[in-house]
Amino acid sequence: MKAIVRMNRIGRGERAAGGSPAGRVWTRPFRAALVRRGRASAGRRWRALAWSLAAAAALAVAAPQGAYAAQATSIAVIGDSIARHYCRGITRHLRGDDRFRVSCWVHPSSGLTRDDFLDWEATLGDYLERDRVDVAVVSFGANDAQRMLLPDRVLAFDDDAWAAEYETRVDAMLTKLKEHGARVVWVGLPIPRSDSFARKLARLNAIYEARALANGAAFHPLWEATQDASGRYATALPDAKGRMRVAREEDGVHFTREGEILIACKLMVDIPGATRPDGC
């Protein structure tokens, strides 16, 4: 019984030999078959490798490296966690369309107020040094309604000096993007569930709209688009066919996957050459 079990474990072409220290002996015919099989397998592998290399070379000639990147309209979505929703939605709408390339330059928990957490002006400069941008879709503000720390003082959110300094930072972002030839679309903040937070975000939206227009950029408001019929915060929003979709997360600020798609539908009008897909 032990010999049979070992034979099954060793495999066909072997036999158990009780006198062998290892308890197994390879037969010569089987060893020769393995050698022949190994040579044949090696030959097939070399032929497959040669074919793959030849195919890759042919593709490299047919489509020069970088051709796609040079021809496609480069879209960069820039901002915080809300901007990340817009980037996901735009990416879904434009997926499969080789005329566009979408990049998500987003950092959740960041903003223009706390440059000690993330210096967005410097970060944007780094991005622009590495990549070309034709259309910049910008959204900030979810984390900006707080005090501002300057080297010599602290500015409260309600201070006029806070607004003046914040406007300077918005202008710096717009100027840097325009210097690199980008068409800029600044997206206004959606209405949040909290009334007190809504008052703060409305103040930020007024700054974004004024500075965008003053700098020759487009401003796309979303406040009314995210309200219900009575002008209040709406958890669900209608799609193109009038069906209500749950568009907002439970935190009353961010968007669901359905919400990302609905908002991206609205933003398609700001991207030259883009068409609104079916269902928008």
C-alpha atoms as a PDB file:
ATOM      1  CA  MET A   1       0.000   0.000   0.000  1.00  0.00           C
ATOM      2  CA  LYS A   2       2.852   2.405   0.836  1.00  0.00           C
ATOM      3  CA  ALA A   3       4.449   1.815  -2.569  1.00  0.00           C
ATOM      4  CA  ILE A   4       1.185   2.554  -4.370  1.00  0.00           C
ATOM      5  CA  VAL A   5       0.656   5.819  -2.470  1.00  0.00           C
ATOM      6  CA  ARG A   6       4.208   6.952  -3.228  1.00  0.00           C
ATOM      7  CA  MET A   7       3.818   5.976  -6.888  1.00  0.00           C
ATOM      8  CA  ASN A   8       0.736   8.191  -7.178  1.00  0.00           C
ATOM      9  CA  ARG A   9       2.568  11.070  -5.539  1.00  0.00           C
ATOM     10  CA  ILE A  10       5.731  10.662  -7.661  1.00  0.00           C
ATOM     11  CA  GLY A  11       3.910  10.373 -10.923  1.00  0.00           C
ATOM     12  CA  ARG A  12       3.784   8.246 -14.021  1.00  0.00           C
ATOM     13  CA  GLY A  13       7.133   6.853 -15.281  1.00  0.00           C
ATOM     14  CA  GLU A  14       8.592   6.401 -11.775  1.00  0.00           C
ATOM     15  CA  ARG A  15       8.698   3.393  -9.529  1.00  0.00           C
ATOM     16  CA  ALA A  16       9.170   3.048  -5.818  1.00  0.00           C
ATOM     17  CA  ALA A  17      12.346   1.254  -4.840  1.00  0.00           C
ATOM     18  CA  GLY A  18      12.574   0.223  -1.272  1.00  0.00           C
ATOM     19  CA  GLY A  19      16.335  -0.080  -1.450  1.00  0.00           C
ATOM     20  CA  SER A  20      16.830   3.520  -2.606  1.00  0.00           C
ATOM     21  CA  PRO A  21      17.573   6.056   0.161  1.00  0.00           C
ATOM     22  CA  ALA A  22      15.126   8.517  -1.470  1.00  0.00           C
ATOM     23  CA  GLY A  23      12.553   5.815  -2.026  1.00  0.00           C
ATOM     24  CA  ARG A  24      12.167   6.712  -5.769  1.00  0.00           C
ATOM     25  CA  VAL A  25      14.010   5.908  -9.003  1.00  0.00           C
ATOM     26  CA  TRP A  26      13.522   7.585 -12.444  1.00  0.00           C
ATOM     27  CA  THR A  27      13.349   5.195 -15.390  1.00  0.00           C
ATOM     28  CA  ARG A  28      15.534   5.998 -18.415  1.00  0.00           C
ATOM     29  CA  PRO A  29      12.699   6.190 -20.964  1.00  0.00           C
ATOM     30  CA  PHE A  30      10.877   8.708 -18.818  1.00  0.00           C
ATOM     31  CA  ARG A  31      14.042  10.813 -18.312  1.00  0.00           C
ATOM     32  CA  ALA A  32      14.613  10.903 -22.086  1.00  0.00           C
ATOM     33  CA  ALA A  33      11.000  11.957 -22.671  1.00  0.00           C
ATOM     34  CA  LEU A  34      11.401  14.815 -20.220  1.00  0.00           C
ATOM     35  CA  VAL A  35      14.520  16.044 -22.012  1.00  0.00           C
ATOM     36  CA  ARG A  36      12.766  15.975 -25.388  1.00  0.00           C
ATOM     37  CA  ARG A  37       9.704  17.741 -23.929  1.00  0.00           C
ATOM     38  CA  GLY A  38      11.878  20.413 -22.308  1.00  0.00           C
ATOM     39  CA  ARG A  39      13.677  21.137 -25.587  1.00  0.00           C
ATOM     40  CA  ALA A  40      10.374  21.416 -27.446  1.00  0.00           C
ATOM     41  CA  SER A  41       8.900  23.721 -24.799  1.00  0.00           C
ATOM     42  CA  ALA A  42      11.979  25.931 -24.904  1.00  0.00           C
ATOM     43  CA  GLY A  43      11.678  26.187 -28.675  1.00  0.00           C
ATOM     44  CA  ARG A  44       8.043  27.211 -28.442  1.00  0.00           C
ATOM     45  CA  ARG A  45       8.861  29.836 -25.816  1.00  0.00           C
ATOM     46  CA  TRP A  46      11.620  31.363 -27.973  1.00  0.00           C
ATOM     47  CA  ARG A  47       9.333  31.471 -31.015  1.00  0.00           C
ATOM     48  CA  ALA A  48       6.570  33.140 -28.971  1.00  0.00           C
ATOM     49  CA  LEU A  49       9.017  35.701 -27.604  1.00  0.00           C
ATOM     50  CA  ALA A  50      10.338  36.509 -31.080  1.00  0.00           C
ATOM     51  CA  TRP A  51       6.789  36.959 -32.390  1.00  0.00           C
ATOM     52  CA  SER A  52       5.883  39.261 -29.486  1.00  0.00           C
ATOM     53  CA  LEU A  53       8.954  41.433 -30.064  1.00  0.00           C
ATOM     54  CA  ALA A  54       8.218  41.693 -33.766  1.00  0.00           C
ATOM     55  CA  ALA A  55       4.584  42.654 -33.073  1.00  0.00           C
ATOM     56  CA  ALA A  56       5.643  45.297 -30.549  1.00  0.00           C
ATOM     57  CA  ALA A  57       8.085  46.777 -33.057  1.00  0.00           C
ATOM     58  CA  ALA A  58       5.378  46.915 -35.710  1.00  0.00           C
ATOM     59  CA  LEU A  59       3.014  48.703 -33.330  1.00  0.00           C
ATOM     60  CA  ALA A  60       5.702  51.196 -32.392  1.00  0.00           C
ATOM     61  CA  VAL A  61       6.130  52.083 -36.066  1.00  0.00           C
ATOM     62  CA  ALA A  62       2.396  52.259 -36.743  1.00  0.00           C
ATOM     63  CA  ALA A  63       1.640  54.461 -33.672  1.00  0.00           C
ATOM     64  CA  PRO A  64       4.561  56.638 -32.555  1.00  0.00           C
ATOM     65  CA  GLN A  65       4.917  56.902 -28.799  1.00  0.00           C
ATOM     66  CA  GLY A  66       3.199  60.006 -27.401  1.00  0.00           C
ATOM     67  CA  ALA A  67       0.904  60.473 -30.415  1.00  0.00           C
ATOM     68  CA  TYR A  68      -2.223  60.000 -28.307  1.00  0.00           C
ATOM     69  CA  ALA A  69      -1.095  62.464 -25.643  1.00  0.00           C
ATOM     70  CA  ALA A  70      -0.191  65.079 -28.267  1.00  0.00           C
ATOM     71  CA  GLN A  71      -3.548  64.932 -30.057  1.00  0.00           C
ATOM     72  CA  ALA A  72      -6.021  64.487 -27.206  1.00  0.00           C
ATOM     73  CA  THR A  73      -7.544  67.433 -25.357  1.00  0.00           C
ATOM     74  CA  SER A  74      -6.027  67.320 -21.884  1.00  0.00           C
ATOM     75  CA  ILE A  75      -8.531  67.951 -19.078  1.00  0.00           C
ATOM     76  CA  ALA A  76      -7.291  68.440 -15.509  1.00  0.00           C
ATOM     77  CA  VAL A  77      -9.778  68.446 -12.643  1.00  0.00           C
ATOM     78  CA  ILE A  78      -8.194  70.358  -9.769  1.00  0.00           C
ATOM     79  CA  GLY A  79      -9.221  70.723  -6.148  1.00  0.00           C
ATOM     80  CA  ASP A  80     -10.449  68.921  -3.048  1.00  0.00           C
ATOM     81  CA  SER A  81     -12.702  65.942  -2.328  1.00  0.00           C
ATOM     82  CA  ILE A  82     -15.672  67.530  -4.121  1.00  0.00           C
ATOM     83  CA  ALA A  83     -13.494  68.058  -7.194  1.00  0.00           C
ATOM     84  CA  ARG A  84     -12.724  64.343  -7.044  1.00  0.00           C
ATOM     85  CA  HIS A  85     -16.437  63.635  -7.589  1.00  0.00           C
ATOM     86  CA  TYR A  86     -16.420  65.805 -10.703  1.00  0.00           C
ATOM     87  CA  CYS A  87     -13.304  64.068 -12.003  1.00  0.00           C
ATOM     88  CA  ARG A  88     -14.881  60.644 -11.585  1.00  0.00           C
ATOM     89  CA  GLY A  89     -18.052  61.715 -13.363  1.00  0.00           C
ATOM     90  CA  ILE A  90     -16.227  63.410 -16.251  1.00  0.00           C
ATOM     91  CA  THR A  91     -13.969  60.373 -16.635  1.00  0.00           C
ATOM     92  CA  ARG A  92     -16.981  58.057 -16.887  1.00  0.00           C
ATOM     93  CA  HIS A  93     -18.651  60.242 -19.513  1.00  0.00           C
ATOM     94  CA  LEU A  94     -15.540  60.548 -21.672  1.00  0.00           C
ATOM     95  CA  ARG A  95     -14.307  56.965 -21.274  1.00  0.00           C
ATOM     96  CA  GLY A  96     -13.553  55.464 -24.667  1.00  0.00           C
ATOM     97  CA  ASP A  97     -13.378  58.860 -26.397  1.00  0.00           C
ATOM     98  CA  ASP A  98      -9.762  59.157 -27.607  1.00  0.00           C
ATOM     99  CA  ARG A  99     -10.193  62.874 -28.198  1.00  0.00           C
ATOM    100  CA  PHE A 100      -9.887  63.511 -24.459  1.00  0.00           C
ATOM    101  CA  ARG A 101      -7.519  62.670 -21.628  1.00  0.00           C
ATOM    102  CA  VAL A 102      -8.644  63.323 -18.049  1.00  0.00           C
ATOM    103  CA  SER A 103      -6.314  63.823 -15.074  1.00  0.00           C
ATOM    104  CA  CYS A 104      -7.428  64.125 -11.440  1.00  0.00           C
ATOM    105  CA  TRP A 105      -5.248  66.660  -9.609  1.00  0.00           C
ATOM    106  CA  VAL A 106      -7.172  66.362  -6.373  1.00  0.00           C
ATOM    107  CA  HIS A 107      -6.193  66.298  -2.716  1.00  0.00           C
ATOM    108  CA  PRO A 108      -8.992  65.576  -0.198  1.00  0.00           C
ATOM    109  CA  SER A 109      -8.966  67.702   2.986  1.00  0.00           C
ATOM    110  CA  SER A 110      -7.023  70.425   1.164  1.00  0.00           C
ATOM    111  CA  GLY A 111      -7.986  73.934   0.143  1.00  0.00           C
ATOM    112  CA  LEU A 112      -6.711  77.464  -0.377  1.00  0.00           C
ATOM    113  CA  THR A 113      -7.022  78.564   3.262  1.00  0.00           C
ATOM    114  CA  ARG A 114      -4.495  76.267   4.948  1.00  0.00           C
ATOM    115  CA  ASP A 115      -1.344  76.465   2.843  1.00  0.00           C
ATOM    116  CA  ASP A 116       0.497  75.008   5.840  1.00  0.00           C
ATOM    117  CA  PHE A 117      -1.364  71.744   5.094  1.00  0.00           C
ATOM    118  CA  LEU A 118      -0.928  71.933   1.306  1.00  0.00           C
ATOM    119  CA  ASP A 119       0.451  74.859  -0.673  1.00  0.00           C
ATOM    120  CA  TRP A 120      -1.807  74.650  -3.704  1.00  0.00           C
ATOM    121  CA  GLU A 121      -0.063  77.383  -5.678  1.00  0.00           C
ATOM    122  CA  ALA A 122       3.239  75.499  -5.471  1.00  0.00           C
ATOM    123  CA  THR A 123       1.533  72.131  -6.019  1.00  0.00           C
ATOM    124  CA  LEU A 124      -0.224  73.412  -9.124  1.00  0.00           C
ATOM    125  CA  GLY A 125       3.088  74.690 -10.466  1.00  0.00           C
ATOM    126  CA  ASP A 126       4.583  71.214 -10.056  1.00  0.00           C
ATOM    127  CA  TYR A 127       1.672  69.636 -11.935  1.00  0.00           C
ATOM    128  CA  LEU A 128       1.903  72.148 -14.777  1.00  0.00           C
ATOM    129  CA  GLU A 129       5.618  71.551 -15.177  1.00  0.00           C
ATOM    130  CA  ARG A 130       4.944  67.861 -15.805  1.00  0.00           C
ATOM    131  CA  ASP A 131       1.844  67.952 -17.976  1.00  0.00           C
ATOM    132  CA  ARG A 132      -0.015  69.997 -20.569  1.00  0.00           C
ATOM    133  CA  VAL A 133      -3.504  71.242 -19.710  1.00  0.00           C
ATOM    134  CA  ASP A 134      -6.041  72.438 -22.255  1.00  0.00           C
ATOM    135  CA  VAL A 135      -9.072  72.613 -19.962  1.00  0.00           C
ATOM    136  CA  ALA A 136      -8.872  73.064 -16.180  1.00  0.00           C
ATOM    137  CA  VAL A 137     -11.981  72.274 -14.126  1.00  0.00           C
ATOM    138  CA  VAL A 138     -11.400  73.784 -10.682  1.00  0.00           C
ATOM    139  CA  SER A 139     -13.342  73.343  -7.442  1.00  0.00           C
ATOM    140  CA  PHE A 140     -12.340  74.366  -3.923  1.00  0.00           C
ATOM    141  CA  GLY A 141     -14.101  75.418  -0.749  1.00  0.00           C
ATOM    142  CA  ALA A 142     -15.237  72.304   1.090  1.00  0.00           C
ATOM    143  CA  ASN A 143     -12.448  72.837   3.665  1.00  0.00           C
ATOM    144  CA  ASP A 144     -11.874  76.580   3.347  1.00  0.00           C
ATOM    145  CA  ALA A 145     -14.466  78.126   5.677  1.00  0.00           C
ATOM    146  CA  GLN A 146     -12.031  78.434   8.577  1.00  0.00           C
ATOM    147  CA  ARG A 147      -9.471  80.835   9.990  1.00  0.00           C
ATOM    148  CA  MET A 148      -6.390  81.649   7.949  1.00  0.00           C
ATOM    149  CA  LEU A 149      -2.910  81.466   9.459  1.00  0.00           C
ATOM    150  CA  LEU A 150      -0.529  84.146   8.191  1.00  0.00           C
ATOM    151  CA  PRO A 151       3.077  84.611   9.336  1.00  0.00           C
ATOM    152  CA  ASP A 152       2.193  87.683  11.409  1.00  0.00           C
ATOM    153  CA  ARG A 153      -1.486  87.186  12.278  1.00  0.00           C
ATOM    154  CA  VAL A 154      -4.563  84.980  12.208  1.00  0.00           C
ATOM    155  CA  LEU A 155      -7.583  85.978  10.118  1.00  0.00           C
ATOM    156  CA  ALA A 156     -11.089  84.928  11.088  1.00  0.00           C
ATOM    157  CA  PHE A 157     -13.339  83.664   8.300  1.00  0.00           C
ATOM    158  CA  ASP A 158     -15.776  86.575   8.717  1.00  0.00           C
ATOM    159  CA  ASP A 159     -13.069  89.267   8.479  1.00  0.00           C
ATOM    160  CA  ASP A 160     -12.845  91.422   5.370  1.00  0.00           C
ATOM    161  CA  ALA A 161      -9.078  90.862   5.456  1.00  0.00           C
ATOM    162  CA  TRP A 162      -9.720  87.128   5.166  1.00  0.00           C
ATOM    163  CA  ALA A 163     -11.774  87.659   2.003  1.00  0.00           C
ATOM    164  CA  ALA A 164      -9.090  89.937   0.515  1.00  0.00           C
ATOM    165  CA  GLU A 165      -6.336  87.388   1.152  1.00  0.00           C
ATOM    166  CA  TYR A 166      -8.486  84.538  -0.165  1.00  0.00           C
ATOM    167  CA  GLU A 167      -9.212  86.477  -3.352  1.00  0.00           C
ATOM    168  CA  THR A 168      -5.465  86.879  -3.837  1.00  0.00           C
ATOM    169  CA  ARG A 169      -5.003  83.120  -3.612  1.00  0.00           C
ATOM    170  CA  VAL A 170      -7.824  82.418  -6.068  1.00  0.00           C
ATOM    171  CA  ASP A 171      -6.280  84.965  -8.471  1.00  0.00           C
ATOM    172  CA  ALA A 172      -2.894  83.231  -8.171  1.00  0.00           C
ATOM    173  CA  MET A 173      -4.414  79.895  -9.193  1.00  0.00           C
ATOM    174  CA  LEU A 174      -6.252  81.430 -12.142  1.00  0.00           C
ATOM    175  CA  THR A 175      -3.185  83.349 -13.313  1.00  0.00           C
ATOM    176  CA  LYS A 176      -0.952  80.287 -13.202  1.00  0.00           C
ATOM    177  CA  LEU A 177      -3.414  78.222 -15.241  1.00  0.00           C
ATOM    178  CA  LYS A 178      -3.895  80.966 -17.815  1.00  0.00           C
ATOM    179  CA  GLU A 179      -0.131  81.415 -18.165  1.00  0.00           C
ATOM    180  CA  HIS A 180       0.037  77.776 -19.228  1.00  0.00           C
ATOM    181  CA  GLY A 181      -2.656  78.274 -21.860  1.00  0.00           C
ATOM    182  CA  ALA A 182      -5.491  76.491 -20.075  1.00  0.00           C
ATOM    183  CA  ARG A 183      -9.164  77.288 -20.503  1.00  0.00           C
ATOM    184  CA  VAL A 184     -10.377  77.540 -16.889  1.00  0.00           C
ATOM    185  CA  VAL A 185     -13.819  76.565 -15.621  1.00  0.00           C
ATOM    186  CA  TRP A 186     -14.309  77.308 -11.934  1.00  0.00           C
ATOM    187  CA  VAL A 187     -17.157  75.190 -10.578  1.00  0.00           C
ATOM    188  CA  GLY A 188     -19.240  76.711  -7.812  1.00  0.00           C
ATOM    189  CA  LEU A 189     -19.967  74.783  -4.638  1.00  0.00           C
ATOM    190  CA  PRO A 190     -23.239  72.820  -4.355  1.00  0.00           C
ATOM    191  CA  ILE A 191     -25.671  73.682  -1.610  1.00  0.00           C
ATOM    192  CA  PRO A 192     -24.978  71.670   1.578  1.00  0.00           C
ATOM    193  CA  ARG A 193     -27.584  70.328   3.999  1.00  0.00           C
ATOM    194  CA  SER A 194     -26.472  72.491   6.946  1.00  0.00           C
ATOM    195  CA  ASP A 195     -27.924  76.021   6.861  1.00  0.00           C
ATOM    196  CA  SER A 196     -24.960  77.518   8.733  1.00  0.00           C
ATOM    197  CA  PHE A 197     -22.487  75.833   6.402  1.00  0.00           C
ATOM    198  CA  ALA A 198     -24.571  76.971   3.436  1.00  0.00           C
ATOM    199  CA  ARG A 199     -24.102  80.615   4.462  1.00  0.00           C
ATOM    200  CA  LYS A 200     -20.325  80.109   4.515  1.00  0.00           C
ATOM    201  CA  LEU A 201     -20.212  78.353   1.156  1.00  0.00           C
ATOM    202  CA  ALA A 202     -22.423  81.022  -0.408  1.00  0.00           C
ATOM    203  CA  ARG A 203     -19.808  83.590   0.617  1.00  0.00           C
ATOM    204  CA  LEU A 204     -17.083  81.514  -1.045  1.00  0.00           C
ATOM    205  CA  ASN A 205     -19.156  81.116  -4.219  1.00  0.00           C
ATOM    206  CA  ALA A 206     -19.474  84.897  -4.488  1.00  0.00           C
ATOM    207  CA  ILE A 207     -15.676  85.159  -4.392  1.00  0.00           C
ATOM    208  CA  TYR A 208     -15.178  82.387  -6.968  1.00  0.00           C
ATOM    209  CA  GLU A 209     -17.645  83.893  -9.418  1.00  0.00           C
ATOM    210  CA  ALA A 210     -16.257  87.425  -9.113  1.00  0.00           C
ATOM    211  CA  ARG A 211     -12.608  86.399  -9.440  1.00  0.00           C
ATOM    212  CA  ALA A 212     -13.249  83.916 -12.271  1.00  0.00           C
ATOM    213  CA  LEU A 213     -15.024  86.513 -14.374  1.00  0.00           C
ATOM    214  CA  ALA A 214     -12.418  89.184 -13.534  1.00  0.00           C
ATOM    215  CA  ASN A 215      -9.672  86.847 -14.771  1.00  0.00           C
ATOM    216  CA  GLY A 216     -11.388  85.828 -17.991  1.00  0.00           C
ATOM    217  CA  ALA A 217     -12.371  82.369 -16.762  1.00  0.00           C
ATOM    218  CA  ALA A 218     -15.769  80.666 -16.890  1.00  0.00           C
ATOM    219  CA  PHE A 219     -17.855  80.127 -13.768  1.00  0.00           C
ATOM    220  CA  HIS A 220     -20.269  77.199 -13.575  1.00  0.00           C
ATOM    221  CA  PRO A 221     -22.733  77.515 -10.648  1.00  0.00           C
ATOM    222  CA  LEU A 222     -24.202  74.407  -9.061  1.00  0.00           C
ATOM    223  CA  TRP A 223     -26.136  75.928  -6.164  1.00  0.00           C
ATOM    224  CA  GLU A 224     -29.557  75.952  -7.812  1.00  0.00           C
ATOM    225  CA  ALA A 225     -28.864  72.705  -9.658  1.00  0.00           C
ATOM    226  CA  THR A 226     -28.555  70.913  -6.310  1.00  0.00           C
ATOM    227  CA  GLN A 227     -31.700  72.411  -4.743  1.00  0.00           C
ATOM    228  CA  ASP A 228     -35.223  71.044  -4.671  1.00  0.00           C
ATOM    229  CA  ALA A 229     -38.278  72.880  -6.019  1.00  0.00           C
ATOM    230  CA  SER A 230     -38.547  74.930  -2.814  1.00  0.00           C
ATOM    231  CA  GLY A 231     -34.935  76.087  -2.972  1.00  0.00           C
ATOM    232  CA  ARG A 232     -33.721  73.777  -0.205  1.00  0.00           C
ATOM    233  CA  TYR A 233     -31.006  71.130  -0.137  1.00  0.00           C
ATOM    234  CA  ALA A 234     -32.004  68.074  -2.179  1.00  0.00           C
ATOM    235  CA  THR A 235     -30.805  64.565  -1.454  1.00  0.00           C
ATOM    236  CA  ALA A 236     -32.211  63.272  -4.748  1.00  0.00           C
ATOM    237  CA  LEU A 237     -31.962  64.983  -8.137  1.00  0.00           C
ATOM    238  CA  PRO A 238     -33.744  64.235 -11.432  1.00  0.00           C
ATOM    239  CA  ASP A 239     -31.925  62.680 -14.355  1.00  0.00           C
ATOM    240  CA  ALA A 240     -32.576  63.575 -18.007  1.00  0.00           C
ATOM    241  CA  LYS A 241     -35.748  61.461 -18.013  1.00  0.00           C
ATOM    242  CA  GLY A 242     -37.104  62.981 -14.818  1.00  0.00           C
ATOM    243  CA  ARG A 243     -36.344  59.965 -12.658  1.00  0.00           C
ATOM    244  CA  MET A 244     -35.152  60.884  -9.164  1.00  0.00           C
ATOM    245  CA  ARG A 245     -31.677  59.654  -8.256  1.00  0.00           C
ATOM    246  CA  VAL A 246     -30.020  59.738  -4.831  1.00  0.00           C
ATOM    247  CA  ALA A 247     -27.270  62.229  -5.584  1.00  0.00           C
ATOM    248  CA  ARG A 248     -25.842  63.279  -2.214  1.00  0.00           C
ATOM    249  CA  GLU A 249     -23.978  61.372   0.474  1.00  0.00           C
ATOM    250  CA  GLU A 250     -25.236  61.096   4.047  1.00  0.00           C
ATOM    251  CA  ASP A 251     -22.819  63.834   5.182  1.00  0.00           C
ATOM    252  CA  GLY A 252     -24.887  66.403   3.271  1.00  0.00           C
ATOM    253  CA  VAL A 253     -21.874  67.670   1.308  1.00  0.00           C
ATOM    254  CA  HIS A 254     -20.443  65.050  -1.032  1.00  0.00           C
ATOM    255  CA  PHE A 255     -21.964  63.209  -3.992  1.00  0.00           C
ATOM    256  CA  THR A 256     -22.936  59.600  -4.601  1.00  0.00           C
ATOM    257  CA  ARG A 257     -21.894  57.781  -7.782  1.00  0.00           C
ATOM    258  CA  GLU A 258     -25.242  58.736  -9.331  1.00  0.00           C
ATOM    259  CA  GLY A 259     -24.654  62.326  -8.265  1.00  0.00           C
ATOM    260  CA  GLU A 260     -21.221  62.353  -9.868  1.00  0.00           C
ATOM    261  CA  ILE A 261     -22.735  61.311 -13.184  1.00  0.00           C
ATOM    262  CA  LEU A 262     -25.561  63.869 -12.975  1.00  0.00           C
ATOM    263  CA  ILE A 263     -23.206  66.765 -12.184  1.00  0.00           C
ATOM    264  CA  ALA A 264     -20.682  65.710 -14.833  1.00  0.00           C
ATOM    265  CA  CYS A 265     -23.546  65.837 -17.373  1.00  0.00           C
ATOM    266  CA  LYS A 266     -23.927  69.530 -16.583  1.00  0.00           C
ATOM    267  CA  LEU A 267     -20.186  70.162 -16.847  1.00  0.00           C
ATOM    268  CA  MET A 268     -19.948  68.709 -20.360  1.00  0.00           C
ATOM    269  CA  VAL A 269     -21.047  72.064 -21.794  1.00  0.00           C
ATOM    270  CA  ASP A 270     -17.796  73.616 -20.501  1.00  0.00           C
ATOM    271  CA  ILE A 271     -15.511  71.187 -22.352  1.00  0.00           C
ATOM    272  CA  PRO A 272     -14.980  72.205 -25.999  1.00  0.00           C
ATOM    273  CA  GLY A 273     -15.791  69.374 -28.383  1.00  0.00           C
ATOM    274  CA  ALA A 274     -17.477  67.216 -25.754  1.00  0.00           C
ATOM    275  CA  THR A 275     -21.015  66.045 -26.356  1.00  0.00           C
ATOM    276  CA  ARG A 276     -23.517  65.273 -23.652  1.00  0.00           C
ATOM    277  CA  PRO A 277     -23.934  61.467 -23.618  1.00  0.00           C
ATOM    278  CA  ASP A 278     -27.288  59.751 -23.771  1.00  0.00           C
ATOM    279  CA  GLY A 279     -29.012  60.020 -20.420  1.00  0.00           C
ATOM    280  CA  CYS A 280     -27.770  63.547 -19.689  1.00  0.00           C
END
